[in-house]
């Protein structure tokens, strides 16, 4: 899969919106054809959502209303929004650098035993992070992430398909979403590598 050209069309979001851009790293280094079993992240405090201990579904994620232009950063391994002239702030230094698939992430749809809500865009670093805890995690800009825009609902424990990539995970240190399919686990803004916990997210892409 080649690298896309950036289009001038950016679906920008204001308060009830925010982030939309195009493709992900070839499956070369071990994107998977199957799913591994992972432990559930546990119930989220504050009643925001629950991380269900869901069984693996025999089907891939269903294509729903989603926002495109979410991309893999090949410096930090995080998911970031590629719909603005700037590419946010990367914990590995400078701006994020996109590669690979154009992810199309469902938003403002119901949470299910195989889809977790409360994933949000951080308008400081442009990364995707989990907003279900009292703290907003750790942002590479400093302090906590700041949520803006849509309430994204991420499929998990479903079958990987040609249009949905597995091994996206929650990092317990920064609360960001990162790709867990390589021997190295990227760069975490809290220091060192990301640390995976909870669900195996399977993200739709084009």
C-alpha atoms as a PDB file:
ATOM      1  CA  UNK A   1       0.000   0.000   0.000  1.00  0.00           C
ATOM      2  CA  UNK A   2       1.605   3.263  -1.043  1.00  0.00           C
ATOM      3  CA  UNK A   3       1.657   6.498   0.819  1.00  0.00           C
ATOM      4  CA  UNK A   4      -1.262   8.766  -0.002  1.00  0.00           C
ATOM      5  CA  UNK A   5      -1.184  12.306  -1.235  1.00  0.00           C
ATOM      6  CA  UNK A   6      -2.571  14.858   1.148  1.00  0.00           C
ATOM      7  CA  UNK A   7      -5.785  16.325  -0.086  1.00  0.00           C
ATOM      8  CA  UNK A   8      -6.847  19.911   0.456  1.00  0.00           C
ATOM      9  CA  UNK A   9     -10.151  18.721   1.754  1.00  0.00           C
ATOM     10  CA  UNK A  10     -10.063  18.632   5.504  1.00  0.00           C
ATOM     11  CA  UNK A  11     -13.242  17.802   7.327  1.00  0.00           C
ATOM     12  CA  UNK A  12     -12.643  20.005  10.265  1.00  0.00           C
ATOM     13  CA  UNK A  13     -14.567  19.734  13.457  1.00  0.00           C
ATOM     14  CA  UNK A  14     -15.814  22.408  15.709  1.00  0.00           C
ATOM     15  CA  UNK A  15     -17.151  21.602  19.139  1.00  0.00           C
ATOM     16  CA  UNK A  16     -19.260  18.615  18.213  1.00  0.00           C
ATOM     17  CA  UNK A  17     -16.777  17.735  15.527  1.00  0.00           C
ATOM     18  CA  UNK A  18     -13.073  17.998  15.129  1.00  0.00           C
ATOM     19  CA  UNK A  19     -10.920  15.932  13.090  1.00  0.00           C
ATOM     20  CA  UNK A  20     -10.613  13.632   8.439  1.00  0.00           C
ATOM     21  CA  UNK A  21      -6.980  12.026   5.548  1.00  0.00           C
ATOM     22  CA  UNK A  22      -5.509   8.812   3.600  1.00  0.00           C
ATOM     23  CA  UNK A  23      -3.722   4.793   3.994  1.00  0.00           C
ATOM     24  CA  UNK A  24      -1.208   2.391   6.951  1.00  0.00           C
ATOM     25  CA  UNK A  25       2.111   0.652   7.073  1.00  0.00           C
ATOM     26  CA  UNK A  26       2.148  -2.473   4.925  1.00  0.00           C
ATOM     27  CA  UNK A  27       1.518  -5.545   6.916  1.00  0.00           C
ATOM     28  CA  UNK A  28       5.164  -6.444   6.520  1.00  0.00           C
ATOM     29  CA  UNK A  29       6.296  -6.539  10.116  1.00  0.00           C
ATOM     30  CA  UNK A  30       3.565  -8.624  11.516  1.00  0.00           C
ATOM     31  CA  UNK A  31       0.119  -7.179  11.240  1.00  0.00           C
ATOM     32  CA  UNK A  32      -1.873 -10.209  11.920  1.00  0.00           C
ATOM     33  CA  UNK A  33      -4.226 -12.443  10.177  1.00  0.00           C
ATOM     34  CA  UNK A  34      -5.875 -13.515  13.378  1.00  0.00           C
ATOM     35  CA  UNK A  35      -6.568 -12.188  16.819  1.00  0.00           C
ATOM     36  CA  UNK A  36      -4.740 -12.808  20.040  1.00  0.00           C
ATOM     37  CA  UNK A  37      -6.652 -13.137  23.242  1.00  0.00           C
ATOM     38  CA  UNK A  38      -6.295 -10.150  25.490  1.00  0.00           C
ATOM     39  CA  UNK A  39      -7.536  -9.334  28.948  1.00  0.00           C
ATOM     40  CA  UNK A  40     -10.190  -6.694  29.372  1.00  0.00           C
ATOM     41  CA  UNK A  41      -9.018  -3.340  30.650  1.00  0.00           C
ATOM     42  CA  UNK A  42     -11.441  -3.506  33.555  1.00  0.00           C
ATOM     43  CA  UNK A  43     -14.339  -1.281  34.461  1.00  0.00           C
ATOM     44  CA  UNK A  44     -13.782   2.423  34.015  1.00  0.00           C
ATOM     45  CA  UNK A  45     -14.342   4.488  37.118  1.00  0.00           C
ATOM     46  CA  UNK A  46     -16.823   7.323  37.204  1.00  0.00           C
ATOM     47  CA  UNK A  47     -19.505   5.439  35.247  1.00  0.00           C
ATOM     48  CA  UNK A  48     -18.267   6.722  31.920  1.00  0.00           C
ATOM     49  CA  UNK A  49     -18.050   3.330  30.273  1.00  0.00           C
ATOM     50  CA  UNK A  50     -17.115  -0.247  30.984  1.00  0.00           C
ATOM     51  CA  UNK A  51     -14.362  -2.202  29.317  1.00  0.00           C
ATOM     52  CA  UNK A  52     -16.242  -5.440  28.834  1.00  0.00           C
ATOM     53  CA  UNK A  53     -14.469  -8.785  28.905  1.00  0.00           C
ATOM     54  CA  UNK A  54     -15.918  -9.527  25.477  1.00  0.00           C
ATOM     55  CA  UNK A  55     -15.536 -12.791  23.601  1.00  0.00           C
ATOM     56  CA  UNK A  56     -14.029 -12.731  20.130  1.00  0.00           C
ATOM     57  CA  UNK A  57     -16.735 -12.250  17.531  1.00  0.00           C
ATOM     58  CA  UNK A  58     -16.658 -14.409  14.409  1.00  0.00           C
ATOM     59  CA  UNK A  59     -17.177 -11.344  12.219  1.00  0.00           C
ATOM     60  CA  UNK A  60     -15.164  -8.273  11.373  1.00  0.00           C
ATOM     61  CA  UNK A  61     -16.325  -4.765  12.362  1.00  0.00           C
ATOM     62  CA  UNK A  62     -19.366  -3.411  10.539  1.00  0.00           C
ATOM     63  CA  UNK A  63     -18.764  -0.252   8.514  1.00  0.00           C
ATOM     64  CA  UNK A  64     -20.643   2.578  10.267  1.00  0.00           C
ATOM     65  CA  UNK A  65     -20.686   6.362  10.247  1.00  0.00           C
ATOM     66  CA  UNK A  66     -17.023   7.183  10.718  1.00  0.00           C
ATOM     67  CA  UNK A  67     -14.341   9.809  10.357  1.00  0.00           C
ATOM     68  CA  UNK A  68     -11.453   9.220   7.993  1.00  0.00           C
ATOM     69  CA  UNK A  69      -7.941  10.699   8.038  1.00  0.00           C
ATOM     70  CA  UNK A  70      -6.803   8.910  11.187  1.00  0.00           C
ATOM     71  CA  UNK A  71      -3.296   7.625  10.610  1.00  0.00           C
ATOM     72  CA  UNK A  72      -0.450   5.605  12.105  1.00  0.00           C
ATOM     73  CA  UNK A  73       2.599   7.652  13.182  1.00  0.00           C
ATOM     74  CA  UNK A  74       5.762   5.698  12.361  1.00  0.00           C
ATOM     75  CA  UNK A  75       7.734   7.618  14.984  1.00  0.00           C
ATOM     76  CA  UNK A  76       5.642   7.004  18.130  1.00  0.00           C
ATOM     77  CA  UNK A  77       3.317   4.216  16.794  1.00  0.00           C
ATOM     78  CA  UNK A  78       0.265   6.176  17.960  1.00  0.00           C
ATOM     79  CA  UNK A  79      -2.944   6.941  16.076  1.00  0.00           C
ATOM     80  CA  UNK A  80      -3.217  10.615  15.123  1.00  0.00           C
ATOM     81  CA  UNK A  81      -5.481  12.866  13.056  1.00  0.00           C
ATOM     82  CA  UNK A  82      -4.068  13.898   9.687  1.00  0.00           C
ATOM     83  CA  UNK A  83      -6.692  16.436   8.595  1.00  0.00           C
ATOM     84  CA  UNK A  84      -4.956  19.717   9.436  1.00  0.00           C
ATOM     85  CA  UNK A  85      -1.992  21.546   7.877  1.00  0.00           C
ATOM     86  CA  UNK A  86       0.058  20.697  10.988  1.00  0.00           C
ATOM     87  CA  UNK A  87       0.395  17.117  12.234  1.00  0.00           C
ATOM     88  CA  UNK A  88       0.243  17.727  15.968  1.00  0.00           C
ATOM     89  CA  UNK A  89       3.008  16.953  18.456  1.00  0.00           C
ATOM     90  CA  UNK A  90       4.774  13.575  18.572  1.00  0.00           C
ATOM     91  CA  UNK A  91       6.347  12.200  21.778  1.00  0.00           C
ATOM     92  CA  UNK A  92       9.344  11.158  19.646  1.00  0.00           C
ATOM     93  CA  UNK A  93       9.925  14.846  18.815  1.00  0.00           C
ATOM     94  CA  UNK A  94       8.549  17.262  16.238  1.00  0.00           C
ATOM     95  CA  UNK A  95       5.270  16.489  14.473  1.00  0.00           C
ATOM     96  CA  UNK A  96       3.687  13.080  13.857  1.00  0.00           C
ATOM     97  CA  UNK A  97       4.642  11.393  10.576  1.00  0.00           C
ATOM     98  CA  UNK A  98       1.929   9.403   8.865  1.00  0.00           C
ATOM     99  CA  UNK A  99       2.243   6.064   7.117  1.00  0.00           C
ATOM    100  CA  UNK A 100      -0.075   3.357   5.887  1.00  0.00           C
ATOM    101  CA  UNK A 101      -3.838   3.050   5.973  1.00  0.00           C
ATOM    102  CA  UNK A 102      -6.496   5.747   6.070  1.00  0.00           C
ATOM    103  CA  UNK A 103      -8.451   4.673   9.157  1.00  0.00           C
ATOM    104  CA  UNK A 104     -12.194   5.317   9.231  1.00  0.00           C
ATOM    105  CA  UNK A 105     -13.204   5.376  12.895  1.00  0.00           C
ATOM    106  CA  UNK A 106     -16.863   5.050  13.963  1.00  0.00           C
ATOM    107  CA  UNK A 107     -18.252   7.841  16.126  1.00  0.00           C
ATOM    108  CA  UNK A 108     -21.463   8.774  17.956  1.00  0.00           C
ATOM    109  CA  UNK A 109     -22.811   5.223  17.680  1.00  0.00           C
ATOM    110  CA  UNK A 110     -23.860   2.890  20.470  1.00  0.00           C
ATOM    111  CA  UNK A 111     -21.341   1.076  22.628  1.00  0.00           C
ATOM    112  CA  UNK A 112     -21.680  -2.736  22.508  1.00  0.00           C
ATOM    113  CA  UNK A 113     -19.881  -5.742  24.044  1.00  0.00           C
ATOM    114  CA  UNK A 114     -17.545  -5.528  21.013  1.00  0.00           C
ATOM    115  CA  UNK A 115     -17.186  -1.749  20.703  1.00  0.00           C
ATOM    116  CA  UNK A 116     -15.876   0.680  23.337  1.00  0.00           C
ATOM    117  CA  UNK A 117     -16.905   4.348  23.472  1.00  0.00           C
ATOM    118  CA  UNK A 118     -15.155   7.374  25.004  1.00  0.00           C
ATOM    119  CA  UNK A 119     -12.186   7.506  22.662  1.00  0.00           C
ATOM    120  CA  UNK A 120     -11.470  11.129  21.805  1.00  0.00           C
ATOM    121  CA  UNK A 121      -9.321  13.460  19.725  1.00  0.00           C
ATOM    122  CA  UNK A 122      -6.784  15.510  21.723  1.00  0.00           C
ATOM    123  CA  UNK A 123      -6.669  19.012  20.256  1.00  0.00           C
ATOM    124  CA  UNK A 124      -3.208  19.591  21.719  1.00  0.00           C
ATOM    125  CA  UNK A 125      -1.224  16.659  20.259  1.00  0.00           C
ATOM    126  CA  UNK A 126      -3.816  15.409  17.654  1.00  0.00           C
ATOM    127  CA  UNK A 127      -3.640  11.874  19.066  1.00  0.00           C
ATOM    128  CA  UNK A 128      -6.503   9.505  19.907  1.00  0.00           C
ATOM    129  CA  UNK A 129      -6.876   8.811  23.639  1.00  0.00           C
ATOM    130  CA  UNK A 130      -9.284   7.145  26.074  1.00  0.00           C
ATOM    131  CA  UNK A 131     -11.413   9.637  27.992  1.00  0.00           C
ATOM    132  CA  UNK A 132     -13.093   7.232  30.428  1.00  0.00           C
ATOM    133  CA  UNK A 133     -10.999   7.965  33.525  1.00  0.00           C
ATOM    134  CA  UNK A 134     -10.868  11.033  35.801  1.00  0.00           C
ATOM    135  CA  UNK A 135      -7.383  11.804  34.447  1.00  0.00           C
ATOM    136  CA  UNK A 136      -6.836  12.543  30.750  1.00  0.00           C
ATOM    137  CA  UNK A 137      -3.596  10.559  30.577  1.00  0.00           C
ATOM    138  CA  UNK A 138      -0.300  12.069  29.465  1.00  0.00           C
ATOM    139  CA  UNK A 139       0.007  14.410  26.459  1.00  0.00           C
ATOM    140  CA  UNK A 140       3.351  15.017  24.697  1.00  0.00           C
ATOM    141  CA  UNK A 141       2.619  18.757  24.892  1.00  0.00           C
ATOM    142  CA  UNK A 142       2.716  18.389  28.701  1.00  0.00           C
ATOM    143  CA  UNK A 143      -0.003  17.674  31.252  1.00  0.00           C
ATOM    144  CA  UNK A 144      -3.149  15.762  30.293  1.00  0.00           C
ATOM    145  CA  UNK A 145      -4.761  15.217  26.915  1.00  0.00           C
ATOM    146  CA  UNK A 146      -7.660  17.579  26.125  1.00  0.00           C
ATOM    147  CA  UNK A 147     -10.761  16.057  24.541  1.00  0.00           C
ATOM    148  CA  UNK A 148     -12.531  17.678  21.605  1.00  0.00           C
ATOM    149  CA  UNK A 149     -14.981  16.606  18.945  1.00  0.00           C
ATOM    150  CA  UNK A 150     -16.618  13.257  18.365  1.00  0.00           C
ATOM    151  CA  UNK A 151     -17.116  10.383  20.785  1.00  0.00           C
ATOM    152  CA  UNK A 152     -15.349   7.571  18.907  1.00  0.00           C
ATOM    153  CA  UNK A 153     -16.470   3.971  19.397  1.00  0.00           C
ATOM    154  CA  UNK A 154     -13.723   1.428  18.670  1.00  0.00           C
ATOM    155  CA  UNK A 155     -14.498  -2.175  17.620  1.00  0.00           C
ATOM    156  CA  UNK A 156     -12.613  -4.860  19.550  1.00  0.00           C
ATOM    157  CA  UNK A 157     -12.397  -8.638  19.831  1.00  0.00           C
ATOM    158  CA  UNK A 158     -13.679  -9.058  16.286  1.00  0.00           C
ATOM    159  CA  UNK A 159     -11.998 -10.730  13.334  1.00  0.00           C
ATOM    160  CA  UNK A 160      -9.356  -8.824  11.386  1.00  0.00           C
ATOM    161  CA  UNK A 161     -10.297  -8.404   7.704  1.00  0.00           C
ATOM    162  CA  UNK A 162      -8.675  -6.874   4.595  1.00  0.00           C
ATOM    163  CA  UNK A 163     -10.374  -3.602   5.598  1.00  0.00           C
ATOM    164  CA  UNK A 164      -9.854  -3.665   9.365  1.00  0.00           C
ATOM    165  CA  UNK A 165      -6.524  -3.903  11.205  1.00  0.00           C
ATOM    166  CA  UNK A 166      -6.064  -5.574  14.606  1.00  0.00           C
ATOM    167  CA  UNK A 167      -3.448  -5.020  17.338  1.00  0.00           C
ATOM    168  CA  UNK A 168      -4.381  -1.483  18.251  1.00  0.00           C
ATOM    169  CA  UNK A 169      -4.147  -1.170  22.038  1.00  0.00           C
ATOM    170  CA  UNK A 170      -4.716   1.131  24.991  1.00  0.00           C
ATOM    171  CA  UNK A 171      -1.531   2.386  26.693  1.00  0.00           C
ATOM    172  CA  UNK A 172      -1.788   2.408  30.502  1.00  0.00           C
ATOM    173  CA  UNK A 173       0.814   5.171  30.778  1.00  0.00           C
ATOM    174  CA  UNK A 174      -0.468   7.856  28.392  1.00  0.00           C
ATOM    175  CA  UNK A 175      -4.034   6.545  27.686  1.00  0.00           C
ATOM    176  CA  UNK A 176      -3.342   6.804  23.963  1.00  0.00           C
ATOM    177  CA  UNK A 177      -4.190   4.306  21.215  1.00  0.00           C
ATOM    178  CA  UNK A 178      -1.074   2.712  19.715  1.00  0.00           C
ATOM    179  CA  UNK A 179      -0.131  -0.099  17.328  1.00  0.00           C
ATOM    180  CA  UNK A 180       1.130  -3.231  19.083  1.00  0.00           C
ATOM    181  CA  UNK A 181       2.141  -5.257  16.026  1.00  0.00           C
ATOM    182  CA  UNK A 182       5.914  -4.678  16.127  1.00  0.00           C
ATOM    183  CA  UNK A 183       8.634  -5.913  18.507  1.00  0.00           C
ATOM    184  CA  UNK A 184       9.199  -2.298  19.587  1.00  0.00           C
ATOM    185  CA  UNK A 185       6.190  -0.567  21.152  1.00  0.00           C
ATOM    186  CA  UNK A 186       6.872   2.963  19.939  1.00  0.00           C
ATOM    187  CA  UNK A 187       7.470   6.040  22.071  1.00  0.00           C
ATOM    188  CA  UNK A 188       5.170   6.997  24.957  1.00  0.00           C
ATOM    189  CA  UNK A 189       4.870  10.621  26.144  1.00  0.00           C
ATOM    190  CA  UNK A 190       5.112   9.301  29.719  1.00  0.00           C
ATOM    191  CA  UNK A 191       8.605   7.973  28.879  1.00  0.00           C
ATOM    192  CA  UNK A 192      10.019   4.835  27.240  1.00  0.00           C
ATOM    193  CA  UNK A 193       7.665   2.570  25.246  1.00  0.00           C
ATOM    194  CA  UNK A 194       3.891   2.253  25.346  1.00  0.00           C
ATOM    195  CA  UNK A 195       2.440  -0.392  27.674  1.00  0.00           C
ATOM    196  CA  UNK A 196      -0.551  -2.360  26.353  1.00  0.00           C
ATOM    197  CA  UNK A 197      -3.596  -3.387  28.361  1.00  0.00           C
ATOM    198  CA  UNK A 198      -7.176  -4.379  27.715  1.00  0.00           C
ATOM    199  CA  UNK A 199      -8.915  -4.931  24.406  1.00  0.00           C
ATOM    200  CA  UNK A 200      -7.482  -5.808  21.022  1.00  0.00           C
ATOM    201  CA  UNK A 201      -9.018  -3.064  18.870  1.00  0.00           C
ATOM    202  CA  UNK A 202      -9.710  -3.806  15.202  1.00  0.00           C
ATOM    203  CA  UNK A 203      -9.903  -0.519  13.307  1.00  0.00           C
ATOM    204  CA  UNK A 204     -11.665  -0.148   9.917  1.00  0.00           C
ATOM    205  CA  UNK A 205      -9.618   1.417   7.125  1.00  0.00           C
ATOM    206  CA  UNK A 206      -9.604   2.160   3.401  1.00  0.00           C
END
